[in-house]
Amino acid sequence: MFLSKTSLAFLAMTHGLVAGTPMPQSDGEFDGTRPKPGIECDGLIQPSYKDCQSIIDGNVYFGNGDERDVCVNQRACRIFREGNCRISFCNNEDKEVCDSSKEWGRRTKAIISYCEPDDGGGYESPAEPKPWTEVAIRANTDWKAAMKAAAGEPAGVAEEVMTLEENEAEVKQIEEEQKAKHALHARDDDSFEITNRRKSVERPGAQIEMTDRLPNGGKWVASKSKTETVGITASVSLGGSLFDVMTAEIGLEVSSSYSVTSGTSIEIPIECEGNQSGVVVWFPLFDYYAGKFQPSGDSGSIWVPLDSETSTGNFRVRCLGDA
């Protein structure tokens, strides 16, 4: 469970409302793999950002009012819902993690800023060595709203606590509902209207660490023995009919297996401060396209890695530790 130090009474009340309610069962165990840091947008989990804003406005957990600590107990999530928006704060660590309400709010607003223009949901995790937490914005699942209505609960922002496993099971159900809806629409969609295009940009979460920590003043030389590969990321099934519609309209002559490999024969100096060490990180560049399938109006997006010297050699040093 994850609690603000100011809401123990409310937590007890809220948890009591959901105690004993059967949760949907996940098809598989949570694999415990930490994702790459950054924001990842997902066009499949489309929330109503108007409802998301209703959750955030005036809510102390998102940095409104006086700043306070919000502490997340081990392997638990706090879920906020209203209408078709579900915002979650999750802690994947085996110990309590605390952060300021303004930081939770900043992370939430960063997802909105990046993902709302393309109508997609999104999620974000920080880089190590920060604790593994996740802020996510998704569509809200219908069964939970129906359950609350049947119980006679008033409309408005709902808040509850659940374990990581319960959260994972519910997220799977949300994704299955969204997939079923999109599959129904996909039968009729035969064109793709581009509404957003970005050229040679970095994709959130696509950064790849090429080295362990290296001493300040040292260097790293890229070679064929140490390369990484990135491929296409799309909000639709790669190789499916919508992927073909999307790439044809954009004019991309790429298959779903297209990928790009990091550059070689590049020397990177480790230039940090004092006693800091450095990690070499590859930031591949992408062309990004987003738009809507017609006639359904469903949103779609695709990130295509660039096979250019600027992209394959876009290495930077991340300095770690105290100077």
Protein backbone atom coordinates (compact mmCIF):
# COMPACT_ATOMS: atom_id res chain seq x y z
CA MET A 1 0.00 0.00 0.00
CA PHE A 2 1.08 3.50 -0.54
CA LEU A 3 0.12 6.32 1.70
CA SER A 4 0.46 10.00 2.22
CA LYS A 5 1.46 10.76 5.78
CA THR A 6 -1.70 12.86 6.04
CA SER A 7 -4.32 10.34 4.92
CA LEU A 8 -4.27 7.26 7.14
CA ALA A 9 -7.94 7.58 8.04
CA PHE A 10 -9.00 8.05 4.43
CA LEU A 11 -6.86 5.11 3.37
CA ALA A 12 -8.51 2.83 5.90
CA MET A 13 -11.95 3.93 4.72
CA THR A 14 -11.10 3.56 1.01
CA HIS A 15 -9.43 0.21 1.39
CA GLY A 16 -12.48 -1.03 3.25
CA LEU A 17 -14.67 -0.23 0.25
CA VAL A 18 -12.76 -2.59 -2.01
CA ALA A 19 -11.91 -5.33 0.48
CA GLY A 20 -13.26 -8.69 -0.60
CA THR A 21 -13.93 -7.56 -4.18
CA PRO A 22 -12.69 -10.20 -6.64
CA MET A 23 -9.97 -8.89 -8.93
CA PRO A 24 -9.49 -10.02 -12.55
CA GLN A 25 -6.74 -12.62 -12.74
CA SER A 26 -3.62 -11.98 -14.77
CA ASP A 27 -2.61 -14.59 -17.34
CA GLY A 28 0.98 -14.43 -16.14
CA GLU A 29 3.13 -13.31 -13.26
CA PHE A 30 4.59 -9.81 -13.16
CA ASP A 31 8.09 -10.40 -14.55
CA GLY A 32 9.81 -7.71 -12.47
CA THR A 33 11.79 -6.26 -15.38
CA ARG A 34 12.62 -2.58 -14.90
CA PRO A 35 11.83 -0.59 -18.06
CA LYS A 36 14.19 1.90 -19.65
CA PRO A 37 13.85 5.37 -18.09
CA GLY A 38 11.69 8.07 -19.63
CA ILE A 39 8.16 8.57 -20.88
CA GLU A 40 6.51 5.96 -23.09
CA CYS A 41 3.27 6.89 -24.90
CA ASP A 42 0.79 4.19 -25.89
CA GLY A 43 -1.95 4.90 -28.41
CA LEU A 44 -3.82 1.76 -27.35
CA ILE A 45 -4.69 3.00 -23.86
CA GLN A 46 -6.53 6.21 -24.72
CA PRO A 47 -7.83 8.11 -21.67
CA SER A 48 -9.99 11.21 -21.55
CA TYR A 49 -7.55 13.96 -20.61
CA LYS A 50 -10.46 16.15 -19.55
CA ASP A 51 -11.24 13.53 -16.89
CA CYS A 52 -7.53 13.30 -16.02
CA GLN A 53 -7.44 17.05 -15.40
CA SER A 54 -10.45 16.70 -13.09
CA ILE A 55 -8.45 14.20 -11.02
CA ILE A 56 -5.45 16.54 -10.76
CA ASP A 57 -7.17 19.89 -10.14
CA GLY A 58 -7.01 20.74 -6.44
CA ASN A 59 -5.68 17.28 -5.51
CA VAL A 60 -2.94 17.50 -2.86
CA TYR A 61 -1.30 14.28 -4.09
CA PHE A 62 -0.42 16.03 -7.36
CA GLY A 63 1.31 19.02 -5.75
CA ASN A 64 -1.64 21.34 -5.18
CA GLY A 65 -1.52 23.29 -1.93
CA ASP A 66 1.25 22.85 0.61
CA GLU A 67 4.01 20.44 -0.37
CA ARG A 68 4.00 17.16 1.56
CA ASP A 69 5.61 13.74 1.46
CA VAL A 70 3.71 10.98 -0.31
CA CYS A 71 5.05 7.60 0.75
CA VAL A 72 4.46 4.44 -1.25
CA ASN A 73 4.65 1.17 0.64
CA GLN A 74 6.51 -1.74 -0.90
CA ARG A 75 5.06 -3.36 -4.05
CA ALA A 76 1.82 -1.38 -4.06
CA CYS A 77 -0.05 1.23 -6.11
CA ARG A 78 -2.42 4.08 -5.44
CA ILE A 79 -5.04 4.44 -8.18
CA PHE A 80 -7.02 7.61 -8.97
CA ARG A 81 -10.05 7.38 -11.29
CA GLU A 82 -12.66 9.61 -12.80
CA GLY A 83 -14.68 8.97 -15.95
CA ASN A 84 -12.36 7.50 -18.56
CA CYS A 85 -9.07 8.30 -16.82
CA ARG A 86 -6.98 6.15 -14.51
CA ILE A 87 -3.78 7.58 -12.95
CA SER A 88 -1.55 5.29 -10.92
CA PHE A 89 1.48 5.78 -8.68
CA CYS A 90 3.28 2.43 -8.21
CA ASN A 91 6.28 1.34 -6.16
CA ASN A 92 8.13 -1.74 -7.45
CA GLU A 93 10.69 -1.76 -4.64
CA ASP A 94 10.68 -4.08 -1.62
CA LYS A 95 10.77 -1.10 0.71
CA GLU A 96 8.78 2.08 1.25
CA VAL A 97 9.59 4.96 -1.13
CA CYS A 98 8.80 8.60 -0.34
CA ASP A 99 8.75 11.61 -2.65
CA SER A 100 7.18 15.05 -2.57
CA SER A 101 3.64 15.58 -3.81
CA LYS A 102 4.99 18.16 -6.25
CA GLU A 103 7.34 15.59 -7.80
CA TRP A 104 4.50 13.08 -8.30
CA GLY A 105 2.51 15.91 -9.87
CA ARG A 106 5.42 16.98 -12.10
CA ARG A 107 5.83 13.46 -13.45
CA THR A 108 2.10 13.17 -14.14
CA LYS A 109 1.98 16.49 -15.98
CA ALA A 110 5.05 15.53 -18.05
CA ILE A 111 3.19 12.46 -19.35
CA ILE A 112 0.18 14.60 -20.21
CA SER A 113 2.34 17.17 -21.99
CA TYR A 114 4.04 14.51 -24.11
CA CYS A 115 1.23 12.03 -24.80
CA GLU A 116 -1.98 14.09 -24.89
CA PRO A 117 -1.35 15.65 -28.35
CA ASP A 118 -1.68 12.18 -29.91
CA ASP A 119 -4.56 11.03 -27.65
CA GLY A 120 -2.47 8.24 -26.16
CA GLY A 121 -1.94 7.20 -22.59
CA GLY A 122 1.53 6.88 -21.14
CA TYR A 123 3.78 5.83 -18.30
CA GLU A 124 7.11 6.96 -16.87
CA SER A 125 9.87 5.53 -14.68
CA PRO A 126 13.05 7.28 -13.48
CA ALA A 127 16.59 6.14 -14.23
CA GLU A 128 18.70 4.28 -11.71
CA PRO A 129 19.91 4.82 -9.05
CA LYS A 130 16.53 6.37 -8.18
CA PRO A 131 14.01 3.89 -6.73
CA TRP A 132 11.87 2.04 -9.27
CA THR A 133 8.51 3.79 -9.24
CA GLU A 134 6.03 4.32 -12.07
CA VAL A 135 3.48 7.00 -12.86
CA ALA A 136 0.95 5.88 -15.49
CA ILE A 137 -2.09 7.39 -17.22
CA ARG A 138 -4.48 4.94 -18.87
CA ALA A 139 -8.08 4.56 -19.94
CA ASN A 140 -10.38 3.54 -17.09
CA THR A 141 -11.93 0.09 -17.19
CA ASP A 142 -15.73 -0.15 -17.38
CA TRP A 143 -16.22 -2.97 -14.86
CA LYS A 144 -14.83 -0.94 -11.98
CA ALA A 145 -17.17 1.99 -12.68
CA ALA A 146 -20.12 -0.39 -12.91
CA MET A 147 -19.18 -1.99 -9.60
CA LYS A 148 -19.11 1.38 -7.86
CA ALA A 149 -22.42 2.45 -9.40
CA ALA A 150 -24.04 -0.78 -8.21
CA ALA A 151 -22.74 -0.08 -4.71
CA GLY A 152 -24.38 3.34 -4.78
CA GLU A 153 -21.10 5.26 -4.53
CA PRO A 154 -21.21 8.92 -5.63
CA ALA A 155 -19.62 10.06 -8.87
CA GLY A 156 -16.34 11.97 -8.82
CA VAL A 157 -12.69 11.16 -8.20
CA ALA A 158 -12.28 7.68 -6.72
CA GLU A 159 -9.10 6.59 -4.96
CA GLU A 160 -8.00 3.16 -3.84
CA VAL A 161 -4.97 1.03 -2.98
CA MET A 162 -4.01 -2.27 -4.57
CA THR A 163 -1.01 -4.56 -4.79
CA LEU A 164 1.29 -4.62 -7.81
CA GLU A 165 -0.20 -7.95 -8.85
CA GLU A 166 -3.76 -6.60 -8.66
CA ASN A 167 -2.70 -3.56 -10.66
CA GLU A 168 -1.04 -5.73 -13.29
CA ALA A 169 -4.19 -7.86 -13.64
CA GLU A 170 -6.39 -4.80 -14.08
CA VAL A 171 -4.00 -3.22 -16.60
CA LYS A 172 -4.16 -6.43 -18.64
CA GLN A 173 -7.95 -6.22 -18.63
CA ILE A 174 -7.87 -2.59 -19.76
CA GLU A 175 -5.51 -3.49 -22.60
CA GLU A 176 -7.69 -6.42 -23.69
CA GLU A 177 -10.78 -4.19 -23.76
CA GLN A 178 -8.93 -1.61 -25.84
CA LYS A 179 -7.58 -4.26 -28.23
CA ALA A 180 -11.08 -5.65 -28.79
CA LYS A 181 -12.42 -2.17 -29.55
CA HIS A 182 -9.59 -1.42 -31.98
CA ALA A 183 -9.90 -4.81 -33.68
CA LEU A 184 -13.57 -4.11 -34.38
CA HIS A 185 -12.75 -0.72 -35.90
CA ALA A 186 -9.76 -2.05 -37.85
CA ARG A 187 -12.02 -4.09 -40.11
CA ASP A 188 -13.24 -0.88 -41.75
CA ASP A 189 -10.19 1.40 -41.53
CA ASP A 190 -8.50 1.88 -44.89
CA SER A 191 -6.64 5.20 -44.57
CA PHE A 192 -4.45 7.11 -42.11
CA GLU A 193 -4.55 10.90 -41.67
CA ILE A 194 -1.30 12.37 -40.28
CA THR A 195 -1.86 14.98 -37.56
CA ASN A 196 1.63 15.18 -36.02
CA ARG A 197 5.06 14.69 -37.59
CA ARG A 198 8.48 15.05 -35.90
CA LYS A 199 11.78 14.51 -37.67
CA SER A 200 15.08 13.35 -36.13
CA VAL A 201 13.90 13.35 -32.51
CA GLU A 202 14.79 11.23 -29.50
CA ARG A 203 12.15 8.77 -28.33
CA PRO A 204 11.44 8.77 -24.58
CA GLY A 205 12.65 5.53 -23.05
CA ALA A 206 14.80 4.55 -26.06
CA GLN A 207 18.13 5.51 -24.49
CA ILE A 208 20.52 2.56 -24.20
CA GLU A 209 23.45 2.38 -21.77
CA MET A 210 26.53 1.15 -23.63
CA THR A 211 28.95 0.85 -20.69
CA ASP A 212 29.23 0.29 -16.98
CA ARG A 213 30.57 3.17 -14.90
CA LEU A 214 33.85 4.51 -16.26
CA PRO A 215 36.32 6.74 -14.36
CA ASN A 216 36.43 10.46 -15.00
CA GLY A 217 39.14 11.29 -17.53
CA GLY A 218 38.95 7.92 -19.25
CA LYS A 219 37.51 7.14 -22.66
CA TRP A 220 35.34 4.59 -24.44
CA VAL A 221 35.78 3.42 -28.02
CA ALA A 222 32.73 2.02 -29.80
CA SER A 223 33.44 -1.24 -31.63
CA LYS A 224 31.63 -3.97 -33.52
CA SER A 225 31.94 -6.20 -30.47
CA LYS A 226 29.68 -3.85 -28.48
CA THR A 227 26.63 -2.68 -30.42
CA GLU A 228 22.94 -2.26 -29.66
CA THR A 229 19.91 -2.37 -31.96
CA VAL A 230 16.61 -0.46 -31.98
CA GLY A 231 13.58 -1.23 -34.09
CA ILE A 232 10.22 0.24 -35.01
CA THR A 233 7.75 1.04 -32.24
CA ALA A 234 4.09 1.47 -33.18
CA SER A 235 0.76 1.74 -31.39
CA VAL A 236 -0.70 -0.94 -33.68
CA SER A 237 0.25 -4.56 -34.25
CA LEU A 238 3.49 -4.70 -36.24
CA GLY A 239 2.87 -6.59 -39.43
CA GLY A 240 -0.90 -6.22 -39.09
CA SER A 241 -3.32 -4.57 -41.49
CA LEU A 242 -3.29 -1.21 -39.67
CA PHE A 243 0.51 -1.14 -39.78
CA ASP A 244 0.33 -1.58 -43.55
CA VAL A 245 -2.31 1.17 -43.87
CA MET A 246 -0.23 3.54 -41.71
CA THR A 247 3.11 3.02 -43.49
CA ALA A 248 1.50 3.22 -46.94
CA GLU A 249 -0.14 6.57 -46.19
CA ILE A 250 3.06 7.97 -44.66
CA GLY A 251 5.13 6.66 -47.57
CA LEU A 252 7.44 4.48 -45.47
CA GLU A 253 9.04 1.58 -47.30
CA VAL A 254 9.90 -0.41 -44.19
CA SER A 255 8.84 -3.78 -42.83
CA SER A 256 7.90 -4.43 -39.22
CA SER A 257 11.34 -6.03 -38.67
CA TYR A 258 13.30 -2.92 -39.73
CA SER A 259 16.03 -1.97 -37.22
CA VAL A 260 19.13 0.20 -36.83
CA THR A 261 22.42 -0.62 -35.05
CA SER A 262 24.59 1.77 -33.04
CA GLY A 263 27.74 3.15 -34.65
CA THR A 264 31.29 1.86 -34.29
CA SER A 265 34.80 3.36 -34.35
CA ILE A 266 33.74 6.36 -32.27
CA GLU A 267 35.83 7.55 -29.31
CA ILE A 268 33.94 9.13 -26.40
CA PRO A 269 35.90 10.94 -23.63
CA ILE A 270 34.54 10.66 -20.08
CA GLU A 271 34.40 14.31 -19.02
CA CYS A 272 32.69 14.61 -15.64
CA GLU A 273 33.50 16.56 -12.49
CA GLY A 274 35.84 15.59 -9.67
CA ASN A 275 35.20 12.08 -8.40
CA GLN A 276 32.20 11.44 -10.61
CA SER A 277 32.11 8.46 -12.94
CA GLY A 278 30.40 8.33 -16.32
CA VAL A 279 28.18 5.97 -18.31
CA VAL A 280 28.09 6.21 -22.11
CA VAL A 281 24.49 6.29 -23.38
CA TRP A 282 23.23 5.94 -26.95
CA PHE A 283 20.36 8.25 -27.90
CA PRO A 284 19.13 6.97 -31.29
CA LEU A 285 17.06 9.40 -33.37
CA PHE A 286 13.66 8.65 -34.86
CA ASP A 287 11.09 10.02 -37.25
CA TYR A 288 7.72 10.12 -35.50
CA TYR A 289 4.29 10.12 -37.10
CA ALA A 290 0.89 10.25 -35.39
CA GLY A 291 -2.60 10.54 -36.73
CA LYS A 292 -6.02 8.96 -36.98
CA PHE A 293 -7.28 5.96 -38.89
CA GLN A 294 -10.36 6.54 -41.00
CA PRO A 295 -13.27 6.08 -40.85
CA SER A 296 -13.05 4.99 -37.17
CA GLY A 297 -11.09 8.04 -35.95
CA ASP A 298 -8.87 5.83 -33.76
CA SER A 299 -5.43 7.26 -32.99
CA GLY A 300 -2.19 5.66 -34.15
CA SER A 301 1.52 6.45 -33.97
CA ILE A 302 4.85 5.05 -35.13
CA TRP A 303 8.53 5.67 -34.30
CA VAL A 304 10.97 4.77 -37.09
CA PRO A 305 14.71 4.72 -36.17
CA LEU A 306 17.04 6.66 -38.47
CA ASP A 307 19.98 4.91 -40.12
CA SER A 308 22.19 7.99 -40.29
CA GLU A 309 25.60 8.85 -38.86
CA THR A 310 23.98 11.53 -36.71
CA SER A 311 21.66 8.94 -35.17
CA THR A 312 23.91 5.88 -34.87
CA GLY A 313 26.69 7.99 -33.35
CA ASN A 314 24.54 10.06 -30.98
CA PHE A 315 26.39 9.07 -27.79
CA ARG A 316 26.42 11.13 -24.60
CA VAL A 317 27.99 10.67 -21.17
CA ARG A 318 25.73 10.52 -18.11
CA CYS A 319 27.76 11.60 -15.05
CA LEU A 320 26.99 9.87 -11.75
CA GLY A 321 27.94 10.44 -8.14
CA ASP A 322 29.06 13.47 -6.16
CA ALA A 323 31.75 15.72 -7.55
